[in-house]
PDB file of all heavy atoms in Angstrom:
ATOM      1  N   THR A   1     103.744 132.821 212.181  1.00  0.00           N
ATOM      2  CA  THR A   1     104.984 132.144 212.586  1.00  0.00           C
ATOM      3  C   THR A   1     104.809 130.637 212.690  1.00  0.00           C
ATOM      4  O   THR A   1     105.805 129.903 212.817  1.00  0.00           O
ATOM      5  CB  THR A   1     105.472 132.677 213.942  1.00  0.00           C
ATOM      6  OG1 THR A   1     104.428 132.508 214.917  1.00  0.00           O
ATOM      7  CG2 THR A   1     105.843 134.145 213.847  1.00  0.00           C
ATOM      8  N   LEU A   2     103.582 130.162 212.649  1.00  0.00           N
ATOM      9  CA  LEU A   2     103.320 128.727 212.793  1.00  0.00           C
ATOM     10  C   LEU A   2     103.484 128.037 211.441  1.00  0.00           C
ATOM     11  O   LEU A   2     102.535 127.529 210.854  1.00  0.00           O
ATOM     12  CB  LEU A   2     101.918 128.504 213.362  1.00  0.00           C
ATOM     13  CG  LEU A   2     101.606 129.229 214.669  1.00  0.00           C
ATOM     14  CD1 LEU A   2     100.194 128.918 215.125  1.00  0.00           C
ATOM     15  CD2 LEU A   2     102.621 128.860 215.749  1.00  0.00           C
ATOM     16  N   ASP A   3     104.701 128.011 210.965  1.00  0.00           N
ATOM     17  CA  ASP A   3     105.009 127.479 209.648  1.00  0.00           C
ATOM     18  C   ASP A   3     106.182 126.504 209.756  1.00  0.00           C
ATOM     19  O   ASP A   3     107.322 126.924 209.970  1.00  0.00           O
ATOM     20  CB  ASP A   3     105.353 128.618 208.691  1.00  0.00           C
ATOM     21  CG  ASP A   3     105.638 128.133 207.283  1.00  0.00           C
ATOM     22  OD1 ASP A   3     105.559 126.922 207.027  1.00  0.00           O
ATOM     23  OD2 ASP A   3     105.958 128.982 206.423  1.00  0.00           O
ATOM     24  N   PRO A   4     105.952 125.187 209.628  1.00  0.00           N
ATOM     25  CA  PRO A   4     107.058 124.225 209.734  1.00  0.00           C
ATOM     26  C   PRO A   4     108.192 124.476 208.747  1.00  0.00           C
ATOM     27  O   PRO A   4     109.344 124.135 209.023  1.00  0.00           O
ATOM     28  CB  PRO A   4     106.372 122.881 209.463  1.00  0.00           C
ATOM     29  CG  PRO A   4     104.948 123.102 209.858  1.00  0.00           C
ATOM     30  CD  PRO A   4     104.656 124.521 209.468  1.00  0.00           C
ATOM     31  N   ALA A   5     107.871 125.088 207.601  1.00  0.00           N
ATOM     32  CA  ALA A   5     108.900 125.333 206.601  1.00  0.00           C
ATOM     33  C   ALA A   5     109.951 126.329 207.082  1.00  0.00           C
ATOM     34  O   ALA A   5     111.058 126.381 206.549  1.00  0.00           O
ATOM     35  CB  ALA A   5     108.267 125.833 205.309  1.00  0.00           C
ATOM     36  N   HIS A   6     109.616 127.139 208.081  1.00  0.00           N
ATOM     37  CA  HIS A   6     110.553 128.116 208.633  1.00  0.00           C
ATOM     38  C   HIS A   6     110.811 127.842 210.110  1.00  0.00           C
ATOM     39  O   HIS A   6     111.007 128.764 210.902  1.00  0.00           O
ATOM     40  CB  HIS A   6     110.008 129.533 208.445  1.00  0.00           C
ATOM     41  CG  HIS A   6     109.825 129.918 207.009  1.00  0.00           C
ATOM     42  ND1 HIS A   6     108.619 129.771 206.357  1.00  0.00           N
ATOM     43  CD2 HIS A   6     110.703 130.396 206.081  1.00  0.00           C
ATOM     44  CE1 HIS A   6     108.749 130.171 205.096  1.00  0.00           C
ATOM     45  NE2 HIS A   6     110.003 130.542 204.904  1.00  0.00           N
ATOM     46  N   CYS A   7     110.815 126.575 210.444  1.00  0.00           N
ATOM     47  CA  CYS A   7     110.977 126.140 211.829  1.00  0.00           C
ATOM     48  C   CYS A   7     112.324 125.449 211.979  1.00  0.00           C
ATOM     49  O   CYS A   7     112.584 124.430 211.341  1.00  0.00           O
ATOM     50  CB  CYS A   7     109.841 125.177 212.193  1.00  0.00           C
ATOM     51  SG  CYS A   7     109.863 124.552 213.878  1.00  0.00           S
ATOM     52  N   ALA A   8     113.199 125.996 212.818  1.00  0.00           N
ATOM     53  CA  ALA A   8     114.550 125.453 213.000  1.00  0.00           C
ATOM     54  C   ALA A   8     114.562 124.338 214.033  1.00  0.00           C
ATOM     55  O   ALA A   8     115.318 124.358 215.001  1.00  0.00           O
ATOM     56  CB  ALA A   8     115.508 126.567 213.406  1.00  0.00           C
ATOM     57  N   ASN A   9     113.702 123.363 213.835  1.00  0.00           N
ATOM     58  CA  ASN A   9     113.641 122.204 214.720  1.00  0.00           C
ATOM     59  C   ASN A   9     114.727 121.210 214.305  1.00  0.00           C
ATOM     60  O   ASN A   9     114.873 120.913 213.122  1.00  0.00           O
ATOM     61  CB  ASN A   9     112.260 121.562 214.612  1.00  0.00           C
ATOM     62  CG  ASN A   9     112.075 120.363 215.517  1.00  0.00           C
ATOM     63  OD1 ASN A   9     112.756 119.354 215.371  1.00  0.00           O
ATOM     64  ND2 ASN A   9     111.136 120.449 216.436  1.00  0.00           N
ATOM     65  N   PRO A  10     115.514 120.684 215.250  1.00  0.00           N
ATOM     66  CA  PRO A  10     116.652 119.839 214.877  1.00  0.00           C
ATOM     67  C   PRO A  10     116.284 118.500 214.272  1.00  0.00           C
ATOM     68  O   PRO A  10     117.154 117.815 213.725  1.00  0.00           O
ATOM     69  CB  PRO A  10     117.389 119.637 216.213  1.00  0.00           C
ATOM     70  CG  PRO A  10     116.344 119.841 217.259  1.00  0.00           C
ATOM     71  CD  PRO A  10     115.435 120.895 216.707  1.00  0.00           C
ATOM     72  N   THR A  11     115.008 118.090 214.335  1.00  0.00           N
ATOM     73  CA  THR A  11     114.633 116.811 213.733  1.00  0.00           C
ATOM     74  C   THR A  11     114.157 116.959 212.294  1.00  0.00           C
ATOM     75  O   THR A  11     113.949 115.959 211.608  1.00  0.00           O
ATOM     76  CB  THR A  11     113.516 116.114 214.531  1.00  0.00           C
ATOM     77  OG1 THR A  11     112.288 116.808 214.337  1.00  0.00           O
ATOM     78  CG2 THR A  11     113.851 116.052 216.008  1.00  0.00           C
ATOM     79  N   PHE A  12     113.957 118.194 211.831  1.00  0.00           N
ATOM     80  CA  PHE A  12     113.419 118.392 210.484  1.00  0.00           C
ATOM     81  C   PHE A  12     114.490 118.191 209.418  1.00  0.00           C
ATOM     82  O   PHE A  12     115.673 118.440 209.651  1.00  0.00           O
ATOM     83  CB  PHE A  12     112.840 119.799 210.330  1.00  0.00           C
ATOM     84  CG  PHE A  12     111.565 120.034 211.105  1.00  0.00           C
ATOM     85  CD1 PHE A  12     111.104 119.109 212.035  1.00  0.00           C
ATOM     86  CD2 PHE A  12     110.838 121.191 210.911  1.00  0.00           C
ATOM     87  CE1 PHE A  12     109.950 119.331 212.753  1.00  0.00           C
ATOM     88  CE2 PHE A  12     109.666 121.424 211.619  1.00  0.00           C
ATOM     89  CZ  PHE A  12     109.225 120.494 212.545  1.00  0.00           C
ATOM     90  N   ILE A  13     114.070 117.772 208.255  1.00  0.00           N
ATOM     91  CA  ILE A  13     114.950 117.664 207.108  1.00  0.00           C
ATOM     92  C   ILE A  13     114.828 118.966 206.323  1.00  0.00           C
ATOM     93  O   ILE A  13     113.766 119.248 205.763  1.00  0.00           O
ATOM     94  CB  ILE A  13     114.560 116.479 206.210  1.00  0.00           C
ATOM     95  CG1 ILE A  13     114.641 115.168 207.010  1.00  0.00           C
ATOM     96  CG2 ILE A  13     115.456 116.414 204.978  1.00  0.00           C
ATOM     97  CD1 ILE A  13     114.107 113.981 206.259  1.00  0.00           C
ATOM     98  N   PRO A  14     115.870 119.797 206.311  1.00  0.00           N
ATOM     99  CA  PRO A  14     115.768 121.096 205.635  1.00  0.00           C
ATOM    100  C   PRO A  14     115.311 120.956 204.193  1.00  0.00           C
ATOM    101  O   PRO A  14     115.852 120.161 203.425  1.00  0.00           O
ATOM    102  CB  PRO A  14     117.205 121.636 205.704  1.00  0.00           C
ATOM    103  CG  PRO A  14     117.798 120.958 206.893  1.00  0.00           C
ATOM    104  CD  PRO A  14     117.196 119.578 206.913  1.00  0.00           C
ATOM    105  N   GLY A  15     114.282 121.695 203.852  1.00  0.00           N
ATOM    106  CA  GLY A  15     113.782 121.698 202.485  1.00  0.00           C
ATOM    107  C   GLY A  15     112.900 120.522 202.130  1.00  0.00           C
ATOM    108  O   GLY A  15     112.431 120.416 200.999  1.00  0.00           O
ATOM    109  N   ASP A  16     112.670 119.594 203.073  1.00  0.00           N
ATOM    110  CA  ASP A  16     111.852 118.422 202.773  1.00  0.00           C
ATOM    111  C   ASP A  16     111.007 118.085 203.996  1.00  0.00           C
ATOM    112  O   ASP A  16     111.449 117.400 204.909  1.00  0.00           O
ATOM    113  CB  ASP A  16     112.743 117.230 202.392  1.00  0.00           C
ATOM    114  CG  ASP A  16     111.919 115.992 202.018  1.00  0.00           C
ATOM    115  OD1 ASP A  16     110.676 116.092 202.001  1.00  0.00           O
ATOM    116  OD2 ASP A  16     112.523 114.950 201.742  1.00  0.00           O
ATOM    117  N   LEU A  17     109.774 118.565 204.009  1.00  0.00           N
ATOM    118  CA  LEU A  17     108.873 118.292 205.112  1.00  0.00           C
ATOM    119  C   LEU A  17     107.858 117.221 204.742  1.00  0.00           C
ATOM    120  O   LEU A  17     106.774 117.136 205.325  1.00  0.00           O
ATOM    121  CB  LEU A  17     108.157 119.577 205.531  1.00  0.00           C
ATOM    122  CG  LEU A  17     109.062 120.673 206.106  1.00  0.00           C
ATOM    123  CD1 LEU A  17     108.236 121.880 206.520  1.00  0.00           C
ATOM    124  CD2 LEU A  17     109.879 120.157 207.281  1.00  0.00           C
ATOM    125  N   THR A  18     108.207 116.377 203.781  1.00  0.00           N
ATOM    126  CA  THR A  18     107.317 115.282 203.388  1.00  0.00           C
ATOM    127  C   THR A  18     107.640 114.005 204.153  1.00  0.00           C
ATOM    128  O   THR A  18     106.890 113.039 204.084  1.00  0.00           O
ATOM    129  CB  THR A  18     107.439 114.995 201.884  1.00  0.00           C
ATOM    130  OG1 THR A  18     108.779 114.555 201.583  1.00  0.00           O
ATOM    131  CG2 THR A  18     107.134 116.244 201.070  1.00  0.00           C
ATOM    132  N   ARG A  19     108.760 113.991 204.869  1.00  0.00           N
ATOM    133  CA  ARG A  19     109.175 112.802 205.587  1.00  0.00           C
ATOM    134  C   ARG A  19     109.131 113.085 207.082  1.00  0.00           C
ATOM    135  O   ARG A  19     109.601 114.115 207.550  1.00  0.00           O
ATOM    136  CB  ARG A  19     110.586 112.389 205.166  1.00  0.00           C
ATOM    137  CG  ARG A  19     110.701 112.152 203.671  1.00  0.00           C
ATOM    138  CD  ARG A  19     112.138 112.053 203.218  1.00  0.00           C
ATOM    139  NE  ARG A  19     112.748 110.804 203.669  1.00  0.00           N
ATOM    140  CZ  ARG A  19     114.017 110.494 203.436  1.00  0.00           C
ATOM    141  NH1 ARG A  19     114.796 111.322 202.760  1.00  0.00           N
ATOM    142  NH2 ARG A  19     114.507 109.364 203.864  1.00  0.00           N
ATOM    143  N   ASP A  20     108.565 112.138 207.827  1.00  0.00           N
ATOM    144  CA  ASP A  20     108.373 112.400 209.250  1.00  0.00           C
ATOM    145  C   ASP A  20     109.465 111.818 210.132  1.00  0.00           C
ATOM    146  O   ASP A  20     109.411 111.936 211.345  1.00  0.00           O
ATOM    147  CB  ASP A  20     107.009 111.868 209.712  1.00  0.00           C
ATOM    148  CG  ASP A  20     106.873 110.360 209.530  1.00  0.00           C
ATOM    149  OD1 ASP A  20     107.823 109.731 209.020  1.00  0.00           O
ATOM    150  OD2 ASP A  20     105.820 109.810 209.890  1.00  0.00           O
ATOM    151  N   VAL A  21     110.470 111.170 209.543  1.00  0.00           N
ATOM    152  CA  VAL A  21     111.545 110.595 210.343  1.00  0.00           C
ATOM    153  C   VAL A  21     112.605 111.653 210.603  1.00  0.00           C
ATOM    154  O   VAL A  21     113.037 112.337 209.685  1.00  0.00           O
ATOM    155  CB  VAL A  21     112.178 109.388 209.622  1.00  0.00           C
ATOM    156  CG1 VAL A  21     113.324 108.817 210.436  1.00  0.00           C
ATOM    157  CG2 VAL A  21     111.125 108.312 209.375  1.00  0.00           C
ATOM    158  N   PRO A  22     113.030 111.831 211.863  1.00  0.00           N
ATOM    159  CA  PRO A  22     114.041 112.842 212.161  1.00  0.00           C
ATOM    160  C   PRO A  22     115.285 112.685 211.306  1.00  0.00           C
ATOM    161  O   PRO A  22     115.717 111.569 211.011  1.00  0.00           O
ATOM    162  CB  PRO A  22     114.357 112.590 213.641  1.00  0.00           C
ATOM    163  CG  PRO A  22     113.117 111.969 214.182  1.00  0.00           C
ATOM    164  CD  PRO A  22     112.569 111.133 213.069  1.00  0.00           C
ATOM    165  N   VAL A  23     115.874 113.794 210.915  1.00  0.00           N
ATOM    166  CA  VAL A  23     117.001 113.768 209.993  1.00  0.00           C
ATOM    167  C   VAL A  23     118.146 112.922 210.525  1.00  0.00           C
ATOM    168  O   VAL A  23     118.801 112.200 209.783  1.00  0.00           O
ATOM    169  CB  VAL A  23     117.471 115.207 209.679  1.00  0.00           C
ATOM    170  CG1 VAL A  23     117.915 115.927 210.929  1.00  0.00           C
ATOM    171  CG2 VAL A  23     118.596 115.196 208.670  1.00  0.00           C
ATOM    172  N   GLN A  24     118.401 112.956 211.831  1.00  0.00           N
ATOM    173  CA  GLN A  24     119.532 112.203 212.373  1.00  0.00           C
ATOM    174  C   GLN A  24     119.300 110.704 212.303  1.00  0.00           C
ATOM    175  O   GLN A  24     120.225 109.926 212.444  1.00  0.00           O
ATOM    176  CB  GLN A  24     119.797 112.593 213.835  1.00  0.00           C
ATOM    177  CG  GLN A  24     120.058 114.072 214.036  1.00  0.00           C
ATOM    178  CD  GLN A  24     118.799 114.785 214.488  1.00  0.00           C
ATOM    179  OE1 GLN A  24     117.715 114.482 214.009  1.00  0.00           O
ATOM    180  NE2 GLN A  24     118.935 115.732 215.385  1.00  0.00           N
ATOM    181  N   ALA A  25     118.057 110.271 212.101  1.00  0.00           N
ATOM    182  CA  ALA A  25     117.756 108.847 212.112  1.00  0.00           C
ATOM    183  C   ALA A  25     117.781 108.224 210.730  1.00  0.00           C
ATOM    184  O   ALA A  25     117.611 107.033 210.593  1.00  0.00           O
ATOM    185  CB  ALA A  25     116.384 108.622 212.741  1.00  0.00           C
ATOM    186  N   GLN A  26     117.990 109.023 209.711  1.00  0.00           N
ATOM    187  CA  GLN A  26     117.963 108.488 208.358  1.00  0.00           C
ATOM    188  C   GLN A  26     119.111 107.516 208.122  1.00  0.00           C
ATOM    189  O   GLN A  26     120.263 107.813 208.402  1.00  0.00           O
ATOM    190  CB  GLN A  26     118.044 109.625 207.327  1.00  0.00           C
ATOM    191  CG  GLN A  26     116.847 110.551 207.339  1.00  0.00           C
ATOM    192  CD  GLN A  26     115.565 109.835 206.973  1.00  0.00           C
ATOM    193  OE1 GLN A  26     115.577 108.932 206.159  1.00  0.00           O
ATOM    194  NE2 GLN A  26     114.469 110.218 207.577  1.00  0.00           N
ATOM    195  N   ASN A  27     118.805 106.344 207.609  1.00  0.00           N
ATOM    196  CA  ASN A  27     119.856 105.407 207.228  1.00  0.00           C
ATOM    197  C   ASN A  27     119.441 104.603 206.007  1.00  0.00           C
ATOM    198  O   ASN A  27     119.841 103.469 205.819  1.00  0.00           O
ATOM    199  CB  ASN A  27     120.217 104.461 208.383  1.00  0.00           C
ATOM    200  CG  ASN A  27     119.088 103.505 208.727  1.00  0.00           C
ATOM    201  OD1 ASN A  27     117.982 103.637 208.225  1.00  0.00           O
ATOM    202  ND2 ASN A  27     119.369 102.546 209.583  1.00  0.00           N
ATOM    203  N   ASP A  28     118.610 105.224 205.161  1.00  0.00           N
ATOM    204  CA  ASP A  28     118.094 104.489 204.017  1.00  0.00           C
ATOM    205  C   ASP A  28     118.831 104.820 202.726  1.00  0.00           C
ATOM    206  O   ASP A  28     118.439 104.362 201.658  1.00  0.00           O
ATOM    207  CB  ASP A  28     116.598 104.770 203.843  1.00  0.00           C
ATOM    208  CG  ASP A  28     116.297 106.260 203.725  1.00  0.00           C
ATOM    209  OD1 ASP A  28     117.234 107.063 203.817  1.00  0.00           O
ATOM    210  OD2 ASP A  28     115.125 106.608 203.548  1.00  0.00           O
ATOM    211  N   ALA A  29     119.889 105.630 202.809  1.00  0.00           N
ATOM    212  CA  ALA A  29     120.686 105.896 201.610  1.00  0.00           C
ATOM    213  C   ALA A  29     121.595 104.704 201.329  1.00  0.00           C
ATOM    214  O   ALA A  29     121.977 103.963 202.231  1.00  0.00           O
ATOM    215  CB  ALA A  29     121.512 107.163 201.798  1.00  0.00           C
TER     216      ALA A  29
END
């Protein structure tokens, strides 16, 4: 169960665990 790819953490970017910045903080688009 210790798998970040299947972890429903609200800071993760679904499908992309290569970036460490929380999803809500993204503003680089």
